[in-house]
Protein backbone atom coordinates (compact mmCIF):
# COMPACT_ATOMS: atom_id res chain seq x y z
CA MET A 1 -18.10 6.53 0.31
CA ASP A 2 -16.19 3.22 0.60
CA PRO A 3 -15.02 2.69 4.37
CA LYS A 4 -11.86 1.11 2.92
CA ARG A 5 -10.83 4.37 1.11
CA TRP A 6 -8.02 6.08 2.37
CA SER A 7 -8.51 9.68 3.75
CA LYS A 8 -5.10 10.72 1.66
CA PRO A 9 -4.01 9.28 -1.11
CA ILE A 10 -0.37 8.08 -1.89
CA THR A 11 1.66 8.22 -4.99
CA PHE A 12 4.28 5.76 -5.55
CA GLU A 13 6.95 4.84 -8.22
CA THR A 14 6.42 1.47 -9.97
CA PRO A 15 9.19 -0.79 -10.71
CA ASN A 16 9.06 0.69 -14.33
CA LEU A 17 11.48 3.96 -13.72
CA GLY A 18 9.74 7.12 -14.03
CA GLN A 19 6.15 5.47 -13.77
CA TYR A 20 3.99 6.49 -10.78
CA ARG A 21 0.84 5.12 -9.53
CA THR A 22 -1.83 6.69 -7.16
CA ILE A 23 -3.41 4.51 -4.42
CA VAL A 24 -6.62 5.75 -2.99
CA SER A 25 -7.89 2.41 -1.32
CA THR A 26 -6.88 -0.80 0.50
CA GLN A 27 -7.90 -2.52 -2.38
CA GLU A 28 -5.65 -0.78 -4.67
CA ALA A 29 -2.85 -0.91 -2.02
CA VAL A 30 -3.25 -5.02 -2.02
CA ARG A 31 -3.00 -4.98 -5.98
CA ALA A 32 -0.12 -3.08 -6.15
CA LEU A 33 1.45 -5.05 -3.23
CA VAL A 34 0.88 -8.04 -5.08
CA ASN A 35 1.52 -6.93 -8.66
CA ASP A 36 3.76 -3.97 -8.60
CA TRP A 37 6.21 -4.65 -5.92
CA PRO A 38 9.77 -4.82 -6.36
CA LEU A 39 10.34 -7.35 -3.42
CA GLN A 40 8.68 -10.70 -3.34
CA LYS A 41 9.58 -10.97 0.45
CA GLY A 42 10.03 -8.98 3.17
CA ARG A 43 8.82 -8.14 6.91
CA GLN A 44 6.95 -5.00 6.12
CA LEU A 45 5.38 -6.26 2.70
CA LYS A 46 3.89 -9.25 4.87
CA ALA A 47 2.95 -7.04 7.29
CA ALA A 48 1.05 -4.89 4.82
CA ARG A 49 -0.52 -7.56 3.22
CA LYS A 50 -1.57 -8.94 6.39
CA THR A 51 -2.99 -5.53 7.63
CA CYS A 52 -4.43 -4.83 4.32
CA ALA A 53 -6.61 -8.14 4.52
CA ALA A 54 -7.52 -7.45 8.14
CA VAL A 55 -8.90 -3.82 6.78
CA LEU A 56 -11.05 -5.54 3.82
CA ASP A 57 -12.33 -7.96 6.49
CA GLY A 58 -13.54 -4.89 8.73
CA LYS A 59 -11.19 -5.69 11.43
CA LYS A 60 -8.87 -2.49 11.19
CA PRO A 61 -9.30 1.02 9.96
CA PRO A 62 -7.98 2.01 6.46
CA SER A 63 -5.53 4.41 8.20
CA GLU A 64 -3.42 1.22 9.41
CA ALA A 65 -3.42 -0.10 5.73
CA ARG A 66 -2.08 3.20 4.55
CA ASN A 67 0.66 3.46 7.33
CA ALA A 68 1.62 -0.29 6.45
CA PHE A 69 1.91 0.45 2.79
CA ILE A 70 4.25 3.24 3.47
CA ALA A 71 6.23 1.22 5.79
CA ALA A 72 6.33 -1.63 3.18
CA ALA A 73 7.72 1.28 0.74
CA VAL A 74 10.45 2.34 2.81
CA GLU A 75 11.55 -1.17 3.26
CA ALA A 76 11.75 -1.97 -0.46
CA ASP A 77 13.25 1.62 -1.19
CA VAL A 78 10.34 2.71 -3.25
CA PHE A 79 9.69 6.37 -3.66
CA VAL A 80 6.21 7.51 -2.34
CA ARG A 81 4.64 10.91 -2.45
CA GLU A 82 1.90 11.78 0.07
CA LYS A 83 -0.82 13.94 -1.13
């Protein structure tokens, strides 16, 4: 099992109203934060990107990337459904 995978997936609403995407790993979270995020700047967004990079480098556990992703979603007013 990929150590960067999350123990619990997260589904979030993309900027395209009514479309949802499920994230199961830190790598997918990075892609979402770069390509599908409604904000280009934000304190939590910056922190989430930094945390994800640390997880991918093996410096932090995947759970921290998941938590940072949720915080960035709250900041951006992005609907998140946890599974």
